[in-house]
Structure formats: C-alpha cells, structure tokens
N, C-alpha and C. Protein backbone atom coordinates (compact mmCIF):
# COMPACT_ATOMS: atom_id res chain seq x y z
N MET A 1 -56.11 227.94 -13.63
CA MET A 1 -57.61 227.92 -12.92
C MET A 1 -58.02 227.01 -12.45
N ALA A 2 -58.57 227.23 -11.70
CA ALA A 2 -59.57 225.62 -10.41
C ALA A 2 -60.52 225.94 -10.62
N GLU A 3 -61.83 224.36 -11.38
CA GLU A 3 -62.45 225.05 -11.11
C GLU A 3 -63.48 224.75 -10.32
N GLN A 4 -64.99 225.18 -10.17
CA GLN A 4 -65.10 225.22 -8.54
C GLN A 4 -66.05 224.30 -8.86
N PRO A 5 -66.12 223.53 -8.00
CA PRO A 5 -66.90 222.11 -6.93
C PRO A 5 -68.28 222.44 -8.10
N ILE A 6 -68.11 221.38 -8.36
CA ILE A 6 -70.60 220.96 -8.60
C ILE A 6 -70.61 220.13 -7.65
N ASP A 7 -72.00 220.92 -6.74
CA ASP A 7 -72.48 219.64 -5.49
C ASP A 7 -73.82 218.86 -6.33
N LEU A 8 -73.71 217.96 -5.81
CA LEU A 8 -75.18 216.80 -6.72
C LEU A 8 -75.79 217.40 -5.63
N ARG A 9 -77.16 217.71 -6.83
CA ARG A 9 -78.14 218.44 -5.84
C ARG A 9 -79.56 218.24 -6.61
N PRO A 10 -80.87 217.91 -6.12
CA PRO A 10 -81.73 217.89 -6.92
C PRO A 10 -82.22 218.83 -8.28
N PRO A 11 -82.09 218.29 -9.33
CA PRO A 11 -82.15 218.92 -10.26
C PRO A 11 -83.68 219.86 -10.15
N GLU A 12 -83.21 221.49 -10.80
CA GLU A 12 -85.06 221.78 -10.53
C GLU A 12 -86.32 221.04 -11.59
N HIS A 13 -86.32 221.45 -12.92
CA HIS A 13 -87.35 221.00 -13.89
C HIS A 13 -87.72 219.55 -13.55
N ARG A 14 -88.67 219.58 -13.75
CA ARG A 14 -89.75 218.21 -13.78
C ARG A 14 -89.87 217.81 -16.09
N VAL A 15 -90.09 216.53 -16.27
CA VAL A 15 -90.44 216.02 -17.44
C VAL A 15 -91.97 216.40 -18.31
N GLU A 16 -91.86 216.86 -19.46
CA GLU A 16 -93.51 217.19 -19.45
C GLU A 16 -94.26 216.17 -19.45
N ARG A 17 -95.47 216.24 -18.36
CA ARG A 17 -96.12 215.17 -18.18
C ARG A 17 -96.69 214.87 -19.42
N ARG A 18 -96.92 215.18 -20.31
CA ARG A 18 -96.61 214.05 -21.70
C ARG A 18 -96.29 213.12 -22.12
N ALA A 19 -95.08 212.93 -20.79
CA ALA A 19 -93.58 211.87 -20.80
C ALA A 19 -94.85 210.72 -20.55
N ILE A 20 -96.28 210.59 -20.21
CA ILE A 20 -96.43 209.54 -18.98
C ILE A 20 -96.81 208.72 -19.89
N GLY A 21 -97.87 209.32 -21.18
CA GLY A 21 -98.10 209.19 -22.30
C GLY A 21 -97.40 208.44 -23.49
N LEU A 22 -96.18 209.31 -23.40
CA LEU A 22 -95.31 207.63 -24.28
C LEU A 22 -94.56 207.22 -23.48
N TRP A 23 -94.63 206.94 -22.19
CA TRP A 23 -93.86 205.53 -21.37
C TRP A 23 -95.00 204.75 -21.46
N VAL A 24 -96.39 205.08 -21.03
CA VAL A 24 -97.57 204.04 -21.49
C VAL A 24 -97.93 203.40 -23.32
N LEU A 25 -97.42 204.15 -23.87
CA LEU A 25 -97.35 203.40 -25.09
C LEU A 25 -95.99 202.52 -25.16
N GLN A 26 -95.10 203.30 -25.40
CA GLN A 26 -93.42 202.81 -25.35
C GLN A 26 -94.02 200.58 -24.19
N SER A 27 -94.37 200.74 -23.38
CA SER A 27 -94.62 199.73 -22.79
C SER A 27 -95.33 198.97 -23.27
N VAL A 28 -96.80 199.84 -23.33
CA VAL A 28 -97.87 199.01 -24.83
C VAL A 28 -97.11 198.15 -25.80
N ILE A 29 -96.48 198.86 -25.81
CA ILE A 29 -96.20 197.84 -27.49
C ILE A 29 -95.31 197.17 -27.44
N GLY A 30 -94.14 197.24 -25.90
CA GLY A 30 -93.03 195.93 -26.39
C GLY A 30 -93.49 195.40 -25.13
N PHE A 31 -95.08 194.96 -24.71
CA PHE A 31 -95.73 194.01 -24.15
C PHE A 31 -96.25 193.48 -24.74
N GLY A 32 -96.98 194.16 -25.87
CA GLY A 32 -98.00 193.84 -26.98
C GLY A 32 -97.57 192.95 -27.73
N ILE A 33 -96.03 193.53 -28.02
CA ILE A 33 -95.01 192.35 -29.18
C ILE A 33 -94.67 191.33 -28.55
N LEU A 34 -94.39 190.99 -27.14
CA LEU A 34 -94.13 189.82 -26.73
C LEU A 34 -95.57 189.05 -26.30
N ALA A 35 -96.39 189.84 -26.21
CA ALA A 35 -97.55 188.71 -25.88
C ALA A 35 -98.25 188.38 -26.86
N GLY A 36 -98.01 189.26 -28.28
CA GLY A 36 -98.58 188.25 -29.19
C GLY A 36 -97.73 187.47 -30.26
N LEU A 37 -96.58 187.86 -29.85
CA LEU A 37 -95.12 186.25 -30.23
C LEU A 37 -95.98 185.18 -29.12
N LEU A 38 -96.37 185.23 -28.11
CA LEU A 38 -95.95 184.20 -27.41
C LEU A 38 -97.52 182.97 -27.85
N THR A 39 -98.37 184.85 -28.29
CA THR A 39 -100.12 183.64 -28.03
C THR A 39 -100.11 183.10 -29.61
N ALA A 40 -99.28 184.01 -30.70
CA ALA A 40 -99.11 183.17 -32.28
C ALA A 40 -98.61 181.40 -31.75
N ALA A 41 -96.97 181.20 -30.74
CA ALA A 41 -96.91 179.99 -30.45
C ALA A 41 -97.59 179.10 -29.76
N TYR A 42 -98.17 180.04 -28.68
CA TYR A 42 -99.13 179.36 -29.01
C TYR A 42 -100.58 179.05 -29.87
N LEU A 43 -100.82 179.55 -29.89
CA LEU A 43 -101.80 178.83 -31.05
C LEU A 43 -101.28 177.92 -32.27
N ILE A 44 -100.20 178.16 -32.74
CA ILE A 44 -99.17 176.83 -33.28
C ILE A 44 -98.86 176.10 -33.05
N ILE A 45 -98.30 175.72 -32.34
CA ILE A 45 -97.42 174.64 -31.57
C ILE A 45 -98.01 174.13 -29.96
N GLY A 46 -99.17 173.25 -30.65
CA GLY A 46 -100.02 172.44 -30.18
C GLY A 46 -99.63 171.71 -28.72
N PRO A 47 -98.14 171.26 -28.74
CA PRO A 47 -97.60 170.46 -28.20
C PRO A 47 -96.82 171.27 -26.76
N ALA A 48 -97.07 172.60 -27.11
CA ALA A 48 -96.00 173.32 -26.21
C ALA A 48 -97.04 174.33 -25.28
N ARG A 49 -99.27 174.53 -25.53
CA ARG A 49 -99.20 174.59 -24.60
C ARG A 49 -99.15 175.00 -23.08
N SER A 50 -98.98 173.93 -22.45
CA SER A 50 -98.96 173.58 -21.33
C SER A 50 -98.02 174.35 -20.55
N TRP A 51 -96.91 174.92 -21.31
CA TRP A 51 -96.10 175.71 -20.30
C TRP A 51 -95.66 176.94 -21.64
N LEU A 52 -96.22 177.51 -22.45
CA LEU A 52 -96.69 178.73 -22.93
C LEU A 52 -97.91 179.14 -22.25
N GLY A 53 -98.67 178.09 -22.17
CA GLY A 53 -100.03 179.53 -20.89
C GLY A 53 -99.53 179.96 -20.38
N PRO A 54 -99.24 179.27 -19.24
CA PRO A 54 -98.68 180.15 -18.19
C PRO A 54 -97.89 181.45 -18.30
N ILE A 55 -97.10 181.49 -18.92
CA ILE A 55 -95.64 182.05 -19.57
C ILE A 55 -97.28 183.38 -20.20
N LEU A 56 -97.48 183.10 -20.91
CA LEU A 56 -98.36 184.23 -21.20
C LEU A 56 -99.33 185.80 -20.35
N VAL A 57 -100.26 184.62 -19.67
CA VAL A 57 -100.30 184.87 -17.96
C VAL A 57 -99.37 186.05 -17.66
N VAL A 58 -98.07 184.81 -17.58
CA VAL A 58 -97.71 185.90 -16.87
C VAL A 58 -97.07 187.28 -17.44
N VAL A 59 -96.48 186.92 -18.13
CA VAL A 59 -96.26 188.29 -19.05
C VAL A 59 -97.16 189.15 -19.50
N ALA A 60 -98.64 188.66 -19.41
CA ALA A 60 -99.76 189.78 -19.60
C ALA A 60 -100.13 190.23 -18.04
N VAL A 61 -99.96 190.13 -17.29
CA VAL A 61 -100.27 189.91 -15.40
C VAL A 61 -98.76 191.78 -15.59
N TRP A 62 -97.81 191.29 -16.06
CA TRP A 62 -96.60 191.64 -15.95
C TRP A 62 -96.72 192.55 -16.49
N GLY A 63 -96.61 193.28 -17.79
CA GLY A 63 -97.00 194.00 -18.79
C GLY A 63 -97.51 195.48 -17.91
N ALA A 64 -99.09 194.41 -17.45
CA ALA A 64 -100.25 195.19 -17.49
C ALA A 64 -99.94 195.85 -15.72
N GLY A 65 -99.05 195.40 -14.73
CA GLY A 65 -99.12 196.22 -13.78
C GLY A 65 -97.43 197.46 -14.04
N VAL A 66 -96.50 197.06 -15.12
CA VAL A 66 -95.95 197.82 -15.64
C VAL A 66 -96.17 198.70 -16.01
N THR A 67 -97.42 198.47 -17.14
CA THR A 67 -97.80 199.92 -17.93
C THR A 67 -98.20 200.79 -16.68
N LEU A 68 -99.05 200.12 -16.07
CA LEU A 68 -100.06 201.14 -14.67
C LEU A 68 -98.63 201.45 -13.09
N VAL A 69 -97.73 201.34 -13.14
CA VAL A 69 -97.00 201.42 -12.30
C VAL A 69 -95.74 202.94 -12.54
N MET A 70 -95.17 201.71 -14.05
CA MET A 70 -93.90 202.41 -14.16
C MET A 70 -93.76 203.93 -15.30
N PRO A 71 -94.54 204.63 -16.03
CA PRO A 71 -94.56 205.65 -16.28
C PRO A 71 -95.22 206.32 -15.61
N LEU A 72 -95.66 206.87 -14.56
CA LEU A 72 -96.15 207.70 -12.66
C LEU A 72 -94.96 207.42 -11.78
N TRP A 73 -94.44 206.00 -11.47
CA TRP A 73 -92.78 207.04 -11.16
C TRP A 73 -91.63 207.03 -12.05
N ARG A 74 -91.86 206.64 -12.98
CA ARG A 74 -91.08 207.81 -14.02
C ARG A 74 -90.64 209.15 -13.90
N TYR A 75 -92.77 209.49 -13.94
CA TYR A 75 -92.30 211.07 -13.85
C TYR A 75 -91.85 211.69 -12.62
N ALA A 76 -92.63 210.94 -11.47
CA ALA A 76 -91.93 211.71 -10.06
C ALA A 76 -90.44 211.22 -9.85
N VAL A 77 -89.99 210.63 -11.05
CA VAL A 77 -88.36 210.74 -10.32
C VAL A 77 -87.64 211.59 -11.37
N HIS A 78 -87.70 211.68 -12.90
CA HIS A 78 -87.37 212.01 -13.98
C HIS A 78 -87.32 213.87 -13.60
N ARG A 79 -85.26 214.27 -13.33
CA ARG A 79 -86.35 215.55 -13.50
C ARG A 79 -84.22 215.92 -13.90
N TRP A 80 -83.91 217.51 -14.80
CA TRP A 80 -83.48 218.11 -15.45
C TRP A 80 -82.88 219.65 -15.09
N GLU A 81 -80.95 220.08 -15.17
CA GLU A 81 -81.29 221.06 -14.94
C GLU A 81 -80.62 221.19 -15.86
N VAL A 82 -79.98 222.86 -16.19
CA VAL A 82 -78.91 223.27 -17.59
C VAL A 82 -78.92 224.61 -16.08
N THR A 83 -77.43 224.69 -15.75
CA THR A 83 -77.03 226.15 -15.60
C THR A 83 -75.33 226.42 -16.20
N GLU A 84 -75.24 227.58 -15.70
CA GLU A 84 -73.99 227.87 -16.84
C GLU A 84 -72.68 227.10 -16.91
N GLU A 85 -72.76 225.96 -15.01
CA GLU A 85 -71.55 225.60 -14.66
C GLU A 85 -71.82 224.49 -14.84
N ALA A 86 -73.43 223.34 -15.14
CA ALA A 86 -73.10 222.47 -14.93
C ALA A 86 -74.77 221.91 -15.68
N VAL A 87 -74.93 220.15 -16.21
CA VAL A 87 -75.75 220.15 -16.27
C VAL A 87 -76.19 218.89 -15.44
N TYR A 88 -77.20 218.78 -15.01
CA TYR A 88 -77.67 217.73 -13.89
C TYR A 88 -78.65 217.11 -15.03
N ALA A 89 -79.24 216.16 -14.37
CA ALA A 89 -80.12 215.01 -14.75
C ALA A 89 -80.37 214.34 -13.74
N VAL A 90 -81.29 213.57 -13.63
CA VAL A 90 -81.90 212.04 -12.73
C VAL A 90 -82.80 211.06 -13.26
N THR A 91 -82.59 209.81 -14.07
CA THR A 91 -83.32 209.38 -14.43
C THR A 91 -83.85 208.06 -14.30
N GLY A 92 -84.27 207.27 -14.35
CA GLY A 92 -84.73 205.94 -14.02
C GLY A 92 -86.22 205.28 -13.27
N TRP A 93 -86.50 203.91 -12.68
CA TRP A 93 -87.43 204.01 -11.50
C TRP A 93 -87.04 203.06 -10.93
N VAL A 94 -87.05 201.74 -11.05
CA VAL A 94 -86.70 200.77 -10.57
C VAL A 94 -84.86 201.58 -9.90
N VAL A 95 -84.18 201.76 -10.90
CA VAL A 95 -82.63 201.85 -10.32
C VAL A 95 -82.74 203.95 -11.28
N ARG A 96 -82.12 204.49 -9.90
CA ARG A 96 -82.26 205.88 -10.32
C ARG A 96 -80.09 206.30 -10.30
N GLU A 97 -80.61 207.15 -11.26
CA GLU A 97 -78.95 207.38 -12.03
C GLU A 97 -79.36 208.85 -11.35
N TRP A 98 -78.76 209.54 -10.54
CA TRP A 98 -78.36 211.04 -10.40
C TRP A 98 -76.56 211.28 -11.90
N ARG A 99 -76.49 212.18 -12.94
CA ARG A 99 -75.72 212.43 -13.23
C ARG A 99 -75.83 213.82 -13.51
N VAL A 100 -74.57 214.35 -13.31
CA VAL A 100 -74.32 216.22 -13.26
C VAL A 100 -72.74 215.90 -14.24
N ALA A 101 -73.09 216.90 -14.88
CA ALA A 101 -71.85 217.48 -15.96
C ALA A 101 -71.26 218.74 -16.24
N PRO A 102 -69.74 218.50 -15.83
CA PRO A 102 -69.54 220.28 -16.18
C PRO A 102 -69.36 220.32 -17.45
N ILE A 103 -69.84 221.95 -17.11
CA ILE A 103 -70.21 222.07 -18.96
C ILE A 103 -68.96 221.91 -19.56
N SER A 104 -67.51 222.14 -19.24
CA SER A 104 -65.85 222.41 -19.85
C SER A 104 -66.04 221.18 -19.77
N ARG A 105 -66.69 220.10 -20.35
CA ARG A 105 -66.75 218.18 -20.30
C ARG A 105 -67.49 217.60 -20.97
N ILE A 106 -67.82 219.43 -22.29
CA ILE A 106 -69.49 218.95 -22.86
C ILE A 106 -69.21 218.68 -24.19
N GLN A 107 -68.92 217.25 -25.39
CA GLN A 107 -68.03 217.52 -26.00
C GLN A 107 -69.66 218.20 -27.61
N THR A 108 -70.92 216.61 -26.59
CA THR A 108 -71.75 217.16 -28.21
C THR A 108 -73.19 217.16 -27.96
N VAL A 109 -74.00 218.13 -27.85
CA VAL A 109 -75.54 218.35 -27.74
C VAL A 109 -76.70 217.86 -28.73
N ASP A 110 -77.47 217.33 -28.38
CA ASP A 110 -78.26 215.73 -29.40
C ASP A 110 -79.72 216.52 -28.59
N THR A 111 -80.85 216.23 -29.55
CA THR A 111 -82.20 216.36 -29.34
C THR A 111 -82.60 215.17 -30.33
N ILE A 112 -83.20 213.88 -29.63
CA ILE A 112 -83.89 213.19 -30.01
C ILE A 112 -85.57 212.98 -30.60
N ARG A 113 -85.38 212.76 -31.40
CA ARG A 113 -87.08 212.80 -31.34
C ARG A 113 -87.52 211.13 -32.82
N GLY A 114 -87.66 210.11 -31.90
CA GLY A 114 -88.44 209.21 -33.10
C GLY A 114 -89.85 209.11 -32.68
N PRO A 115 -90.67 208.69 -33.12
CA PRO A 115 -91.90 208.36 -33.99
C PRO A 115 -93.16 208.23 -32.61
N LEU A 116 -93.08 208.22 -31.35
CA LEU A 116 -93.26 208.27 -31.04
C LEU A 116 -93.53 209.57 -30.03
N GLU A 117 -92.47 210.30 -30.15
CA GLU A 117 -91.54 211.68 -29.08
C GLU A 117 -92.30 212.86 -30.77
N GLN A 118 -92.59 212.42 -31.49
CA GLN A 118 -93.10 212.88 -32.45
C GLN A 118 -94.15 213.41 -32.59
N ALA A 119 -94.88 212.36 -32.39
CA ALA A 119 -96.64 212.54 -32.52
C ALA A 119 -97.05 212.95 -31.04
N LEU A 120 -95.92 213.03 -29.94
CA LEU A 120 -96.44 213.62 -28.54
C LEU A 120 -96.01 214.79 -28.44
N ASN A 121 -95.54 215.71 -29.30
CA ASN A 121 -94.24 216.64 -29.55
C ASN A 121 -93.40 216.39 -28.34
N LEU A 122 -92.47 216.03 -28.37
CA LEU A 122 -91.79 215.21 -26.59
C LEU A 122 -90.70 215.37 -27.65
N ALA A 123 -89.67 214.84 -26.87
CA ALA A 123 -87.65 215.35 -27.82
C ALA A 123 -86.85 214.95 -26.06
N THR A 124 -85.84 213.35 -27.23
CA THR A 124 -84.98 213.26 -26.20
C THR A 124 -83.29 214.41 -25.99
N LEU A 125 -82.71 214.74 -24.75
CA LEU A 125 -82.09 215.99 -24.72
C LEU A 125 -81.15 214.84 -24.43
N GLU A 126 -79.94 214.61 -25.67
CA GLU A 126 -78.67 213.93 -25.25
C GLU A 126 -77.77 214.63 -25.30
N VAL A 127 -76.97 214.76 -23.95
CA VAL A 127 -75.48 216.08 -23.87
C VAL A 127 -75.03 214.72 -23.76
N THR A 128 -73.98 214.36 -24.68
CA THR A 128 -72.71 213.33 -24.11
C THR A 128 -70.92 213.85 -24.22
N THR A 129 -70.06 213.48 -22.95
CA THR A 129 -68.91 214.06 -23.15
C THR A 129 -67.81 213.23 -22.92
N ALA A 130 -67.11 213.26 -21.64
CA ALA A 130 -65.82 212.54 -22.35
C ALA A 130 -66.26 210.93 -21.23
N SER A 131 -66.88 211.34 -20.61
CA SER A 131 -66.88 210.25 -19.61
C SER A 131 -66.94 208.83 -20.02
N SER A 132 -66.52 207.75 -19.21
CA SER A 132 -66.76 206.08 -19.61
C SER A 132 -67.93 205.96 -20.08
N ARG A 133 -69.03 206.96 -19.02
CA ARG A 133 -70.32 205.97 -18.60
C ARG A 133 -70.80 206.28 -19.23
N GLY A 134 -71.13 207.48 -20.86
CA GLY A 134 -72.03 207.43 -21.28
C GLY A 134 -72.68 209.03 -21.37
N ALA A 135 -73.39 209.14 -22.51
CA ALA A 135 -74.26 210.27 -22.78
C ALA A 135 -75.11 210.49 -22.02
N ILE A 136 -75.59 211.61 -20.98
CA ILE A 136 -76.46 211.98 -20.41
C ILE A 136 -77.85 212.34 -21.32
N LYS A 137 -79.09 210.86 -20.61
CA LYS A 137 -79.88 211.82 -21.79
C LYS A 137 -81.36 212.22 -20.87
N VAL A 138 -82.12 212.95 -21.07
CA VAL A 138 -83.29 213.79 -20.12
C VAL A 138 -84.63 212.69 -21.35
N PRO A 139 -84.90 212.12 -21.34
CA PRO A 139 -86.04 211.70 -21.89
C PRO A 139 -87.62 213.11 -21.51
N GLY A 140 -88.37 213.13 -22.89
CA GLY A 140 -89.81 213.41 -22.15
C GLY A 140 -89.31 214.76 -22.68
N MET A 141 -88.63 215.09 -22.75
CA MET A 141 -89.03 216.86 -22.78
C MET A 141 -90.04 217.52 -23.29
N ASP A 142 -90.28 218.60 -23.90
CA ASP A 142 -91.09 219.18 -24.60
C ASP A 142 -90.02 219.38 -25.75
N ALA A 143 -90.78 219.28 -26.47
CA ALA A 143 -89.67 219.37 -28.16
C ALA A 143 -88.83 220.68 -28.22
N ALA A 144 -89.75 221.41 -28.04
CA ALA A 144 -89.84 223.34 -28.24
C ALA A 144 -88.40 223.70 -27.35
N VAL A 145 -88.67 223.15 -25.98
CA VAL A 145 -87.64 222.97 -24.52
C VAL A 145 -86.31 222.32 -25.15
N ALA A 146 -86.62 221.51 -25.32
CA ALA A 146 -85.31 220.94 -25.48
C ALA A 146 -84.40 221.62 -26.58
N ALA A 147 -85.50 221.60 -28.26
CA ALA A 147 -84.31 222.34 -29.12
C ALA A 147 -83.75 224.02 -28.59
N GLN A 148 -84.62 224.29 -27.27
CA GLN A 148 -84.04 226.04 -26.80
C GLN A 148 -82.96 225.54 -25.69
N VAL A 149 -82.82 224.59 -25.03
CA VAL A 149 -81.70 223.71 -24.27
C VAL A 149 -80.20 223.36 -25.16
N ALA A 150 -80.48 222.58 -25.81
CA ALA A 150 -79.43 222.22 -26.70
C ALA A 150 -78.96 223.66 -27.28
N ALA A 151 -79.35 224.79 -27.97
CA ALA A 151 -78.63 225.74 -28.51
C ALA A 151 -78.25 226.86 -27.12
N ASP A 152 -79.36 226.52 -26.29
CA ASP A 152 -78.53 227.36 -24.95
C ASP A 152 -77.27 226.77 -24.28
N LEU A 153 -76.88 224.98 -24.34
CA LEU A 153 -75.83 225.35 -24.13
C LEU A 153 -74.84 224.92 -25.40
N ALA A 154 -74.94 225.51 -26.15
CA ALA A 154 -74.45 225.50 -27.05
C ALA A 154 -73.28 226.22 -27.47
N LYS A 155 -74.10 227.74 -27.17
CA LYS A 155 -73.94 228.82 -26.59
C LYS A 155 -73.33 229.18 -25.30
N ILE A 156 -73.16 228.56 -24.04
CA ILE A 156 -72.70 228.24 -23.16
C ILE A 156 -70.83 226.96 -23.27
N THR A 157 -71.55 226.18 -23.98
CA THR A 157 -70.03 225.04 -24.08
C THR A 157 -69.23 226.13 -25.09
N GLN A 158 -69.53 227.15 -26.20
CA GLN A 158 -68.30 227.68 -26.55
C GLN A 158 -68.08 228.76 -25.28
N ARG A 159 -68.22 229.58 -24.66
CA ARG A 159 -67.74 230.29 -24.04
C ARG A 159 -67.18 229.78 -22.68
N THR A 160 -67.41 228.27 -22.81
CA THR A 160 -66.62 228.02 -21.82
C THR A 160 -65.31 227.26 -22.07
N PRO A 161 -64.01 227.55 -21.60
CA PRO A 161 -62.81 227.36 -21.81
C PRO A 161 -63.29 225.82 -21.56
N GLY A 162 -61.79 225.53 -22.05
CA GLY A 162 -61.92 223.51 -21.94
C GLY A 162 -61.67 222.72 -23.00
N ASP A 163 -61.01 221.25 -22.93
CA ASP A 163 -60.98 220.42 -23.99
C ASP A 163 -62.00 219.44 -24.17
N ALA A 164 -63.55 219.77 -23.23
CA ALA A 164 -64.18 218.91 -23.53
C ALA A 164 -63.37 217.25 -22.62
N THR A 165 -62.13 217.14 -22.48
CA THR A 165 -62.12 216.31 -21.90
C THR A 165 -61.60 215.91 -20.41
C-alpha cells in the first residue's frame, strides 16, 4: 500500500515565549565566556593588547547585537506540528530549515532538558528518523507539552505500519 504524499507547509504551533529568555541566556553565557577569556588575555599578555583590544570590542558589539536580535528572530521563525501523518518543524534564524518526517520513518522520540531549559520549564523535542540528515529538533517547547507530544508520537508510531527505514 503506497503512502499518501505529505505536503511541505507551515507548521501550526509556535515555541513557548519563554524560549526567548533561553536563547538570550545561552547567547549571554557564550559571548560572556568568550569576552571573559579575551579580557583575561588582554590583561595578562601586555604585548598582545594592540590587537586583542579591537578583537574584544568587535566580540562585545557583535555579542550584544546577536543577543538582541537572534532570540526574537528565532521566536518568529520556529514552528512545529505533529499530525497523524507527519512531524513538521521549521527552525533557524540566519538559515531556515524546514523538516517533515513521515510517522512511518520515526525511530525514536526524546525530550531533552538542559539546566537552562529546566530552570525555564522548557524542553527540546527530538525526533530521530532513518534520514542521514539527522534528527528533527524542536527547541523551546513547554516541558509538559514536549512530554505529551513525545507520548502521543509513541502511540501514533505504534499504530503505523512500517519499519522506520
């Protein structure tokens, strides 16, 4: 029996608004560590100050810009949806990635909660398929919603014929 074609269309659901805070924190931490290391090198290595100073300024300005723009942009782009036929996801901010995985191709469904996600009650839904492109990841979901979606996908995939390859 042939599978019905699955259309590439915009997914219905946005990620949680709290994901903006997650992305801000991740950016601040990442750029903070880089700026901290550059500042330490600037203070310790006197002869390198002439070229480390401008690099430190560029990193600080770039980091501030990314931290202000990226979270809002990602929030505007990131979408997800699960139907009886497929998992849909749109992610990215500079490069947007549209992914659709037919239910029959799903191998595993996981929820991932790092320390910052736990603090903000968020989770990343990860749907692994046989695709060489890798898993579909939907960051910034409410933790309870991600757990429910994972449980629902487990039930749907059990009802779906196919060997997930």
